[in-house]
Amino acid sequence: MKIIETPADWPADEAAALAVQDRLRARVILDEPGPPVGEGRVTGVDVAYDDARDIVAAAAVVLDAATLDVVEEATAVGRVAFPYIPGLLAFREIPTVLAALSSLSGDPGLVVCDGYGVAHPRRFGLASHLGVLTGLPAIGVAKNPFVFSYDALGPRRGDSAPLLAEDGEEVGRALRTRDGVKPVFVSAGHRVTLDVACAHTLHLARRFRIPESTRRADTLCRTALAEARTAVA
C-alpha cells in the first residue's frame, strides 16, 4: 500500500485543510465498479477518541469477504492531529487510521469507513480521502445523513432512497439493511460505484444494521482506547 501523502504533510489549520481537500478531490475515481461482492478481502476502519487526554485509537479489521471471518486485525494509537471542525473530521482521524492500515501484513481489499465518501459538503469525506491517499477502493457507511435529505423508503431489507444535496445531486443512498430498522447512509468513496457500494453494504450487514467490518472495528478501537487510557493514567 503506497501512501501518497503522509501525516508529516498534514495541515495545521482550517484554511490549509480546505486547500488539501480541494486539491485531492480531483483525484477521486467514481467510474470503476470496485471489487466483486463477496470476493477477496474487506477491511473495516473506525476510530475512538479521548479528547481530554488528546488520544485517538484506530482499528482496521480485515474480513474474508465470502465468510465474514476475521483474517487480521491491527490498531494504532496517536495524538489527535487536528481540531474538531465539521466537514474536516478526516484530518483528525486519517493519520492514525493510516498507521493501523500500514500494520496489516496483507492487502486490505475494499475499505469500509464509518463515515462518508462523496456524501460530504465538499464531496470529499473520510472514505474518499482515505481512498485517494492509499489508492484502495473505499466506501462510506454512516449512521446519519449528515446535511443531506432523502425521501421515505420501504420497510424491507434492501429498500433504498437517494441521498440528495440541495441542488438535487444524488450523493449517496439511504439503505435499509434490516427489516423495520432505520437505514444506514451509503456513499461511494473511491474506485467503487454507488450501486456496488450498496451491494457490499448489504452483503456485510447480514445480522446487524451496520456492516460487520465496521462493527468489529468499532469494538476493537474502543478496546485499544481503553488500554491507552490505562497506560497514561
Protein backbone atom coordinates (compact mmCIF):
# COMPACT_ATOMS: atom_id res chain seq x y z
CA MET A 1 0.00 0.00 0.00
CA LYS A 2 1.63 3.21 -1.16
CA ILE A 3 0.56 6.31 0.73
CA ILE A 4 0.81 9.39 -1.48
CA GLU A 5 0.69 11.91 1.35
CA THR A 6 1.93 11.31 4.88
CA PRO A 7 0.86 12.68 8.26
CA ALA A 8 4.02 14.78 8.21
CA ASP A 9 2.35 16.81 5.43
CA TRP A 10 -0.83 17.32 7.48
CA PRO A 11 -2.35 20.83 7.52
CA ALA A 12 -2.34 22.80 10.74
CA ASP A 13 -5.43 24.95 10.29
CA GLU A 14 -8.81 25.11 8.56
CA ALA A 15 -7.66 27.08 5.52
CA ALA A 16 -4.85 24.64 4.80
CA ALA A 17 -7.18 21.66 5.26
CA LEU A 18 -9.73 23.08 2.83
CA ALA A 19 -6.94 23.58 0.29
CA VAL A 20 -5.91 19.93 0.69
CA GLN A 21 -9.49 18.78 0.13
CA ASP A 22 -9.78 20.91 -3.00
CA ARG A 23 -6.51 19.53 -4.36
CA LEU A 24 -7.15 15.85 -3.64
CA ARG A 25 -10.83 15.82 -4.59
CA ALA A 26 -9.87 15.94 -8.26
CA ARG A 27 -8.24 12.51 -7.84
CA VAL A 28 -11.41 10.70 -6.72
CA ILE A 29 -12.41 7.93 -9.15
CA LEU A 30 -16.09 7.00 -9.26
CA ASP A 31 -16.38 5.14 -12.56
CA GLU A 32 -14.65 1.90 -11.51
CA PRO A 33 -17.01 -0.86 -10.37
CA GLY A 34 -14.84 -1.89 -7.46
CA PRO A 35 -14.15 -5.39 -6.11
CA PRO A 36 -16.82 -8.04 -6.70
CA VAL A 37 -19.18 -8.51 -3.78
CA GLY A 38 -18.25 -11.48 -1.62
CA GLU A 39 -14.77 -11.93 -3.07
CA GLY A 40 -11.33 -11.13 -1.68
CA ARG A 41 -10.96 -9.11 1.50
CA VAL A 42 -12.90 -6.30 3.12
CA THR A 43 -11.41 -4.09 5.82
CA GLY A 44 -13.43 -2.03 8.27
CA VAL A 45 -11.81 1.01 9.86
CA ASP A 46 -13.01 3.10 12.78
CA VAL A 47 -11.63 5.43 15.47
CA ALA A 48 -12.35 6.29 19.10
CA TYR A 49 -11.30 9.48 20.87
CA ASP A 50 -10.39 10.67 24.32
CA ASP A 51 -10.26 14.43 23.78
CA ALA A 52 -9.45 15.09 27.44
CA ARG A 53 -6.22 13.12 27.08
CA ASP A 54 -5.70 14.10 23.41
CA ILE A 55 -5.68 10.43 22.33
CA VAL A 56 -7.17 8.76 19.27
CA ALA A 57 -7.21 5.00 18.69
CA ALA A 58 -7.81 3.48 15.25
CA ALA A 59 -8.62 -0.07 14.28
CA ALA A 60 -8.50 -1.96 10.99
CA VAL A 61 -10.27 -5.32 10.86
CA VAL A 62 -9.79 -7.48 7.77
CA LEU A 63 -12.55 -9.93 6.90
CA ASP A 64 -12.75 -12.69 4.35
CA ALA A 65 -15.42 -11.20 2.10
CA ALA A 66 -17.12 -14.53 1.48
CA THR A 67 -17.42 -15.80 5.06
CA LEU A 68 -17.00 -12.55 7.02
CA ASP A 69 -14.50 -14.33 9.24
CA VAL A 70 -11.72 -12.16 10.68
CA VAL A 71 -8.45 -12.61 8.80
CA GLU A 72 -6.32 -9.98 10.52
CA GLU A 73 -6.59 -7.05 12.92
CA ALA A 74 -4.43 -4.02 13.65
CA THR A 75 -4.66 -0.99 15.91
CA ALA A 76 -2.76 2.25 16.30
CA VAL A 77 -2.85 4.95 18.95
CA GLY A 78 -1.80 8.54 18.42
CA ARG A 79 -2.43 12.15 19.26
CA VAL A 80 -5.41 13.96 17.79
CA ALA A 81 -3.94 15.58 14.68
CA PHE A 82 -6.45 18.37 14.03
CA PRO A 83 -9.11 20.38 15.88
CA TYR A 84 -12.78 19.47 15.65
CA ILE A 85 -14.28 21.25 12.62
CA PRO A 86 -17.41 19.82 10.93
CA GLY A 87 -16.59 18.63 7.43
CA LEU A 88 -12.91 18.22 8.28
CA LEU A 89 -13.09 15.22 10.60
CA ALA A 90 -10.89 13.17 8.29
CA PHE A 91 -7.93 15.31 9.31
CA ARG A 92 -8.42 14.21 12.92
CA GLU A 93 -8.60 10.53 12.04
CA ILE A 94 -6.58 9.62 8.97
CA PRO A 95 -3.02 9.72 10.39
CA THR A 96 -3.89 7.06 12.98
CA VAL A 97 -6.05 5.09 10.54
CA LEU A 98 -3.14 5.03 8.09
CA ALA A 99 -0.88 3.73 10.86
CA ALA A 100 -3.30 0.88 11.57
CA LEU A 101 -3.67 0.01 7.88
CA SER A 102 0.10 0.10 7.40
CA SER A 103 0.48 -2.50 10.17
CA LEU A 104 -1.51 -5.07 8.22
CA SER A 105 0.54 -7.82 6.61
CA GLY A 106 -1.80 -8.33 3.63
CA ASP A 107 -3.83 -6.39 1.12
CA PRO A 108 -6.81 -4.70 2.85
CA GLY A 109 -9.01 -5.06 -0.23
CA LEU A 110 -12.11 -2.87 -0.05
CA VAL A 111 -12.01 -0.38 2.83
CA VAL A 112 -15.30 0.35 4.61
CA CYS A 113 -15.36 3.55 6.68
CA ASP A 114 -17.76 4.55 9.43
CA GLY A 115 -18.39 7.87 7.72
CA TYR A 116 -18.86 9.46 4.32
CA GLY A 117 -17.40 9.37 0.86
CA VAL A 118 -18.81 11.86 -1.63
CA ALA A 119 -21.82 12.40 0.67
CA HIS A 120 -19.97 15.36 2.10
CA PRO A 121 -20.44 19.13 1.70
CA ARG A 122 -17.30 19.31 -0.46
CA ARG A 123 -17.76 15.78 -1.85
CA PHE A 124 -14.61 14.57 -0.09
CA GLY A 125 -15.37 12.75 3.13
CA LEU A 126 -13.25 10.24 5.02
CA ALA A 127 -13.76 7.35 2.59
CA SER A 128 -12.80 9.47 -0.41
CA HIS A 129 -9.82 10.98 1.38
CA LEU A 130 -8.53 7.63 2.60
CA GLY A 131 -9.09 6.05 -0.80
CA VAL A 132 -7.16 8.73 -2.64
CA LEU A 133 -4.26 8.63 -0.16
CA THR A 134 -3.89 4.84 -0.32
CA GLY A 135 -5.21 4.04 -3.80
CA LEU A 136 -7.56 1.48 -2.22
CA PRO A 137 -11.23 1.14 -3.16
CA ALA A 138 -13.26 2.66 -0.34
CA ILE A 139 -16.86 3.28 0.65
CA GLY A 140 -18.55 5.18 3.45
CA VAL A 141 -21.39 3.74 5.52
CA ALA A 142 -22.67 6.30 8.02
CA LYS A 143 -25.28 6.15 10.75
CA ASN A 144 -26.87 9.52 9.89
CA PRO A 145 -27.37 11.52 6.67
CA PHE A 146 -25.17 14.48 7.69
CA VAL A 147 -26.57 17.53 5.85
CA PHE A 148 -28.44 15.67 3.11
CA SER A 149 -32.11 14.75 2.67
CA TYR A 150 -33.94 11.64 1.47
CA ASP A 151 -37.50 10.56 0.83
CA ALA A 152 -39.29 7.79 2.67
CA LEU A 153 -38.10 4.31 1.76
CA GLY A 154 -39.73 0.92 2.06
CA PRO A 155 -39.56 -1.10 5.29
CA ARG A 156 -37.75 -4.16 3.92
CA ARG A 157 -34.08 -5.03 3.80
CA GLY A 158 -32.62 -3.71 0.53
CA ASP A 159 -35.09 -0.83 0.16
CA SER A 160 -33.34 2.45 -0.58
CA ALA A 161 -33.84 6.11 -1.42
CA PRO A 162 -31.44 8.65 -2.98
CA LEU A 163 -29.48 10.82 -0.56
CA LEU A 164 -29.81 14.27 -2.10
CA ALA A 165 -27.92 17.55 -1.92
CA GLU A 166 -29.82 20.85 -2.10
CA ASP A 167 -29.30 21.04 -5.85
CA GLY A 168 -30.80 17.56 -6.33
CA GLU A 169 -27.49 15.76 -6.85
CA GLU A 170 -27.52 12.16 -5.64
CA VAL A 171 -24.52 11.85 -3.33
CA GLY A 172 -25.42 8.52 -1.76
CA ARG A 173 -28.32 6.35 -0.65
CA ALA A 174 -30.33 5.70 2.43
CA LEU A 175 -30.27 1.90 2.56
CA ARG A 176 -32.27 -0.36 4.84
CA THR A 177 -30.13 -3.28 5.94
CA ARG A 178 -32.71 -4.92 8.23
CA ASP A 179 -36.49 -5.11 8.03
CA GLY A 180 -38.11 -2.28 10.00
CA VAL A 181 -34.80 -0.85 11.25
CA LYS A 182 -33.68 2.68 10.40
CA PRO A 183 -31.40 2.87 7.36
CA VAL A 184 -27.69 3.47 7.01
CA PHE A 185 -26.30 6.04 4.59
CA VAL A 186 -24.01 4.71 1.90
CA SER A 187 -21.75 6.71 -0.39
CA ALA A 188 -19.00 5.84 -2.82
CA GLY A 189 -15.56 6.90 -1.67
CA HIS A 190 -13.01 5.95 -4.31
CA ARG A 191 -12.79 3.37 -7.10
CA VAL A 192 -16.28 1.99 -6.36
CA THR A 193 -19.65 2.89 -7.85
CA LEU A 194 -22.62 3.72 -5.61
CA ASP A 195 -24.53 0.64 -6.78
CA VAL A 196 -21.64 -1.62 -5.85
CA ALA A 197 -21.11 0.21 -2.55
CA CYS A 198 -24.74 -0.55 -1.63
CA ALA A 199 -24.36 -4.18 -2.66
CA HIS A 200 -21.27 -4.56 -0.47
CA THR A 201 -23.09 -2.93 2.44
CA LEU A 202 -26.00 -5.37 2.23
CA HIS A 203 -23.62 -8.31 1.98
CA LEU A 204 -21.70 -7.15 5.05
CA ALA A 205 -24.77 -6.34 7.14
CA ARG A 206 -26.09 -9.87 7.48
CA ARG A 207 -27.06 -9.75 11.16
CA PHE A 208 -26.83 -6.15 12.27
CA ARG A 209 -27.78 -2.71 10.96
CA ILE A 210 -24.16 -1.74 10.27
CA PRO A 211 -21.62 -3.75 8.26
CA GLU A 212 -19.77 -6.46 10.11
CA SER A 213 -16.48 -4.85 9.05
CA THR A 214 -17.04 -1.52 10.81
CA ARG A 215 -18.96 -3.13 13.69
CA ARG A 216 -15.88 -5.15 14.58
CA ALA A 217 -13.57 -2.18 14.01
CA ASP A 218 -15.69 -0.09 16.38
CA THR A 219 -15.32 -2.68 19.15
CA LEU A 220 -11.59 -3.05 18.57
CA CYS A 221 -10.77 0.67 18.53
CA ARG A 222 -12.71 1.18 21.78
CA THR A 223 -10.68 -1.60 23.38
CA ALA A 224 -7.45 -0.02 22.12
CA LEU A 225 -8.51 3.35 23.51
CA ALA A 226 -9.29 1.86 26.92
CA GLU A 227 -5.84 0.23 27.02
CA ALA A 228 -4.21 3.52 26.00
CA ARG A 229 -6.04 5.37 28.78
CA THR A 230 -4.78 2.83 31.30
CA ALA A 231 -1.23 3.25 30.03
CA VAL A 232 -1.25 7.05 30.56
CA ALA A 233 -3.23 7.02 33.81
